[in-house]
C-alpha atoms as a PDB file:
ATOM      1  CA  UNK A   1     -20.845 -22.039  -1.829  1.00  0.00           C
ATOM      2  CA  UNK A   2     -20.675 -24.147   0.591  1.00  0.00           C
ATOM      3  CA  UNK A   3     -18.546 -24.934   4.059  1.00  0.00           C
ATOM      4  CA  UNK A   4     -15.251 -25.776   2.011  1.00  0.00           C
ATOM      5  CA  UNK A   5     -15.763 -22.747   0.017  1.00  0.00           C
ATOM      6  CA  UNK A   6     -16.016 -20.831   3.147  1.00  0.00           C
ATOM      7  CA  UNK A   7     -13.021 -22.546   5.128  1.00  0.00           C
ATOM      8  CA  UNK A   8     -10.928 -21.692   1.813  1.00  0.00           C
ATOM      9  CA  UNK A   9     -11.769 -18.061   2.132  1.00  0.00           C
ATOM     10  CA  UNK A  10     -10.656 -18.325   5.902  1.00  0.00           C
ATOM     11  CA  UNK A  11      -7.415 -19.564   5.272  1.00  0.00           C
ATOM     12  CA  UNK A  12      -7.037 -17.177   2.416  1.00  0.00           C
ATOM     13  CA  UNK A  13      -8.155 -14.427   4.702  1.00  0.00           C
ATOM     14  CA  UNK A  14      -4.922 -15.621   7.209  1.00  0.00           C
ATOM     15  CA  UNK A  15      -2.610 -15.713   4.421  1.00  0.00           C
ATOM     16  CA  UNK A  16      -3.385 -14.888   0.938  1.00  0.00           C
ATOM     17  CA  UNK A  17       0.571 -15.855  -0.155  1.00  0.00           C
ATOM     18  CA  UNK A  18      -0.370 -19.741   1.272  1.00  0.00           C
ATOM     19  CA  UNK A  19       0.352 -22.210  -1.347  1.00  0.00           C
ATOM     20  CA  UNK A  20      -2.571 -24.038  -3.021  1.00  0.00           C
ATOM     21  CA  UNK A  21      -1.348 -27.512  -1.487  1.00  0.00           C
ATOM     22  CA  UNK A  22      -1.215 -26.174   2.184  1.00  0.00           C
ATOM     23  CA  UNK A  23      -4.822 -24.260   2.201  1.00  0.00           C
ATOM     24  CA  UNK A  24      -5.945 -27.978   0.265  1.00  0.00           C
ATOM     25  CA  UNK A  25      -4.265 -30.092   3.444  1.00  0.00           C
ATOM     26  CA  UNK A  26      -5.693 -27.531   5.807  1.00  0.00           C
ATOM     27  CA  UNK A  27      -9.511 -27.675   4.219  1.00  0.00           C
ATOM     28  CA  UNK A  28      -9.181 -31.384   3.639  1.00  0.00           C
ATOM     29  CA  UNK A  29      -9.572 -31.221  -0.079  1.00  0.00           C
ATOM     30  CA  UNK A  30      -7.656 -32.194  -3.136  1.00  0.00           C
ATOM     31  CA  UNK A  31      -5.378 -29.882  -4.365  1.00  0.00           C
ATOM     32  CA  UNK A  32      -6.985 -29.253  -8.177  1.00  0.00           C
ATOM     33  CA  UNK A  33     -10.192 -28.966  -6.551  1.00  0.00           C
ATOM     34  CA  UNK A  34      -9.458 -26.486  -3.582  1.00  0.00           C
ATOM     35  CA  UNK A  35      -7.560 -24.410  -6.653  1.00  0.00           C
ATOM     36  CA  UNK A  36     -10.739 -24.837  -9.105  1.00  0.00           C
ATOM     37  CA  UNK A  37     -12.712 -23.787  -6.077  1.00  0.00           C
ATOM     38  CA  UNK A  38     -10.434 -20.543  -5.438  1.00  0.00           C
ATOM     39  CA  UNK A  39     -10.498 -20.079  -9.302  1.00  0.00           C
ATOM     40  CA  UNK A  40     -14.342 -20.378  -9.511  1.00  0.00           C
ATOM     41  CA  UNK A  41     -14.231 -17.859  -6.377  1.00  0.00           C
ATOM     42  CA  UNK A  42     -12.271 -15.042  -8.172  1.00  0.00           C
ATOM     43  CA  UNK A  43     -14.313 -15.211 -11.530  1.00  0.00           C
ATOM     44  CA  UNK A  44     -17.780 -15.351  -9.494  1.00  0.00           C
ATOM     45  CA  UNK A  45     -16.452 -12.043  -7.542  1.00  0.00           C
ATOM     46  CA  UNK A  46     -16.685 -13.323  -4.276  1.00  0.00           C
ATOM     47  CA  UNK A  47     -12.793 -12.929  -3.892  1.00  0.00           C
ATOM     48  CA  UNK A  48     -12.253  -9.285  -5.029  1.00  0.00           C
ATOM     49  CA  UNK A  49      -8.507  -9.320  -5.122  1.00  0.00           C
ATOM     50  CA  UNK A  50      -5.504 -10.718  -3.267  1.00  0.00           C
ATOM     51  CA  UNK A  51      -3.900  -8.103  -1.645  1.00  0.00           C
ATOM     52  CA  UNK A  52      -0.957  -7.235   1.345  1.00  0.00           C
ATOM     53  CA  UNK A  53      -1.972  -6.153   4.657  1.00  0.00           C
ATOM     54  CA  UNK A  54       0.091  -3.182   5.628  1.00  0.00           C
ATOM     55  CA  UNK A  55       1.398  -2.670   9.395  1.00  0.00           C
ATOM     56  CA  UNK A  56       0.836   1.551   9.286  1.00  0.00           C
ATOM     57  CA  UNK A  57       3.185   1.954  12.385  1.00  0.00           C
ATOM     58  CA  UNK A  58       5.983   0.477  10.894  1.00  0.00           C
ATOM     59  CA  UNK A  59       4.956   2.968   8.007  1.00  0.00           C
ATOM     60  CA  UNK A  60       4.751   5.883   9.952  1.00  0.00           C
ATOM     61  CA  UNK A  61       1.116   6.155  10.291  1.00  0.00           C
ATOM     62  CA  UNK A  62       0.157   4.885  13.581  1.00  0.00           C
ATOM     63  CA  UNK A  63      -2.683   7.103  14.203  1.00  0.00           C
ATOM     64  CA  UNK A  64      -6.210   6.378  12.903  1.00  0.00           C
ATOM     65  CA  UNK A  65      -9.045   8.256  13.039  1.00  0.00           C
ATOM     66  CA  UNK A  66     -13.050   8.354  11.973  1.00  0.00           C
ATOM     67  CA  UNK A  67     -14.421  10.989  10.815  1.00  0.00           C
ATOM     68  CA  UNK A  68     -18.326  11.548  10.442  1.00  0.00           C
ATOM     69  CA  UNK A  69     -19.301  14.300   7.968  1.00  0.00           C
ATOM     70  CA  UNK A  70     -22.729  15.880   7.161  1.00  0.00           C
ATOM     71  CA  UNK A  71     -23.610  16.892   3.565  1.00  0.00           C
ATOM     72  CA  UNK A  72     -24.843  20.521   2.778  1.00  0.00           C
ATOM     73  CA  UNK A  73     -27.023  19.671  -0.581  1.00  0.00           C
ATOM     74  CA  UNK A  74     -26.533  22.114  -3.371  1.00  0.00           C
ATOM     75  CA  UNK A  75     -26.653  21.872  -7.030  1.00  0.00           C
ATOM     76  CA  UNK A  76     -22.679  22.037  -7.569  1.00  0.00           C
ATOM     77  CA  UNK A  77     -21.709  18.863  -5.994  1.00  0.00           C
ATOM     78  CA  UNK A  78     -23.730  15.245  -5.233  1.00  0.00           C
ATOM     79  CA  UNK A  79     -23.325  13.097  -2.410  1.00  0.00           C
ATOM     80  CA  UNK A  80     -21.941  10.149  -4.015  1.00  0.00           C
ATOM     81  CA  UNK A  81     -19.456  12.697  -5.955  1.00  0.00           C
ATOM     82  CA  UNK A  82     -18.514  14.264  -2.596  1.00  0.00           C
ATOM     83  CA  UNK A  83     -17.503  10.624  -1.435  1.00  0.00           C
ATOM     84  CA  UNK A  84     -15.905  10.065  -4.552  1.00  0.00           C
ATOM     85  CA  UNK A  85     -13.747  13.095  -4.138  1.00  0.00           C
ATOM     86  CA  UNK A  86     -13.052  12.417  -0.560  1.00  0.00           C
ATOM     87  CA  UNK A  87     -11.903   9.217  -1.502  1.00  0.00           C
ATOM     88  CA  UNK A  88      -9.071  10.456  -3.143  1.00  0.00           C
ATOM     89  CA  UNK A  89      -7.645  12.708  -0.603  1.00  0.00           C
ATOM     90  CA  UNK A  90      -3.988  11.217   0.996  1.00  0.00           C
ATOM     91  CA  UNK A  91      -4.617   9.215   3.959  1.00  0.00           C
ATOM     92  CA  UNK A  92      -8.458   8.846   3.422  1.00  0.00           C
ATOM     93  CA  UNK A  93      -8.248   4.971   3.514  1.00  0.00           C
ATOM     94  CA  UNK A  94     -12.092   4.225   3.536  1.00  0.00           C
ATOM     95  CA  UNK A  95     -15.258   6.151   2.745  1.00  0.00           C
ATOM     96  CA  UNK A  96     -18.905   4.944   3.050  1.00  0.00           C
ATOM     97  CA  UNK A  97     -22.040   6.900   2.397  1.00  0.00           C
ATOM     98  CA  UNK A  98     -24.494   6.297   5.609  1.00  0.00           C
ATOM     99  CA  UNK A  99     -27.812   6.770   6.814  1.00  0.00           C
ATOM    100  CA  UNK A 100     -28.441   8.456   9.715  1.00  0.00           C
ATOM    101  CA  UNK A 101     -27.639  11.834  11.742  1.00  0.00           C
ATOM    102  CA  UNK A 102     -24.636  11.726   9.400  1.00  0.00           C
ATOM    103  CA  UNK A 103     -24.149  10.939   5.765  1.00  0.00           C
ATOM    104  CA  UNK A 104     -20.331   9.970   5.190  1.00  0.00           C
ATOM    105  CA  UNK A 105     -18.069   8.137   7.438  1.00  0.00           C
ATOM    106  CA  UNK A 106     -14.373   8.305   6.613  1.00  0.00           C
ATOM    107  CA  UNK A 107     -11.210   5.966   7.826  1.00  0.00           C
ATOM    108  CA  UNK A 108      -8.335   8.187   8.207  1.00  0.00           C
ATOM    109  CA  UNK A 109      -4.431   7.340   9.154  1.00  0.00           C
ATOM    110  CA  UNK A 110      -1.747   9.652   9.733  1.00  0.00           C
ATOM    111  CA  UNK A 111       1.766   9.779  11.384  1.00  0.00           C
ATOM    112  CA  UNK A 112       0.237  12.121  14.462  1.00  0.00           C
ATOM    113  CA  UNK A 113      -2.731  14.417  15.174  1.00  0.00           C
ATOM    114  CA  UNK A 114      -1.449  17.049  13.683  1.00  0.00           C
ATOM    115  CA  UNK A 115      -1.485  15.637  10.009  1.00  0.00           C
ATOM    116  CA  UNK A 116      -4.675  14.242  11.063  1.00  0.00           C
ATOM    117  CA  UNK A 117      -6.165  17.614  11.807  1.00  0.00           C
ATOM    118  CA  UNK A 118      -4.526  19.281   8.704  1.00  0.00           C
ATOM    119  CA  UNK A 119      -6.560  17.036   6.592  1.00  0.00           C
ATOM    120  CA  UNK A 120      -9.794  17.926   8.256  1.00  0.00           C
ATOM    121  CA  UNK A 121      -9.192  21.408   8.302  1.00  0.00           C
ATOM    122  CA  UNK A 122      -7.181  22.080   4.867  1.00  0.00           C
ATOM    123  CA  UNK A 123      -8.933  19.640   2.637  1.00  0.00           C
ATOM    124  CA  UNK A 124     -12.301  17.933   3.799  1.00  0.00           C
ATOM    125  CA  UNK A 125     -13.798  21.292   5.252  1.00  0.00           C
ATOM    126  CA  UNK A 126     -12.638  23.230   2.470  1.00  0.00           C
ATOM    127  CA  UNK A 127     -14.696  20.825  -0.059  1.00  0.00           C
ATOM    128  CA  UNK A 128     -18.207  22.071  -1.418  1.00  0.00           C
ATOM    129  CA  UNK A 129     -20.403  20.034   0.099  1.00  0.00           C
ATOM    130  CA  UNK A 130     -19.003  19.166   3.661  1.00  0.00           C
ATOM    131  CA  UNK A 131     -21.323  20.323   6.531  1.00  0.00           C
ATOM    132  CA  UNK A 132     -19.908  19.718  10.036  1.00  0.00           C
ATOM    133  CA  UNK A 133     -17.699  16.864  10.619  1.00  0.00           C
ATOM    134  CA  UNK A 134     -16.783  15.060  14.324  1.00  0.00           C
ATOM    135  CA  UNK A 135     -13.918  13.149  14.710  1.00  0.00           C
ATOM    136  CA  UNK A 136     -13.335  10.148  16.573  1.00  0.00           C
ATOM    137  CA  UNK A 137      -9.656   9.089  17.220  1.00  0.00           C
ATOM    138  CA  UNK A 138      -8.629   5.323  17.596  1.00  0.00           C
ATOM    139  CA  UNK A 139      -6.825   4.470  21.154  1.00  0.00           C
ATOM    140  CA  UNK A 140      -5.829   0.731  20.065  1.00  0.00           C
ATOM    141  CA  UNK A 141      -7.492  -1.775  17.279  1.00  0.00           C
ATOM    142  CA  UNK A 142      -9.270  -4.925  19.109  1.00  0.00           C
ATOM    143  CA  UNK A 143     -10.083  -6.633  15.808  1.00  0.00           C
ATOM    144  CA  UNK A 144      -9.701  -5.323  12.353  1.00  0.00           C
ATOM    145  CA  UNK A 145     -10.927  -7.788   9.658  1.00  0.00           C
ATOM    146  CA  UNK A 146      -9.889  -7.874   5.765  1.00  0.00           C
END
C-alpha cells in the first residue's frame, strides 16, 4: 500500500458509491489504475465490504450507549462464546473483547432509555457468564469513523 491507495480509501470512506472515474480524478490517477487498485485491496482484504452508513435517528433509534460487561468464568460458556451470543441480540451493534477491569465492551442503540434498560435487564444480565455491567449513555457523537 502506498499514499495513492490511502487516498483511494479516504475517498471510498467519504462515499463508497462514488464512481471510479470520480475517485480517479480526486486522487490524480487513471481510471483503470484506480479500479485495479480497488480490486486488489478487496482481494487482499484491506477493503472488507462496501456498505451503507445509516442515520439511526431517522430509523427511530437515537439513543447510543456503551456497556462494559464483566465475565464470570464457568464451564458452561467461554468468554468468546458469550461475546458471540451477545452479538446476536437485537440492537447490539458492536462487541469487543477487551483487556483491563472489564471483559467486554458493547455498543448498543435503541429508541429510548427504556429500551436500552430492557436489553440490559431482561437479556444481557440473564445470560450465563455475565457478571456486572456498567452503562455509559452517549450525549452526542462528535466523531464516528466507518
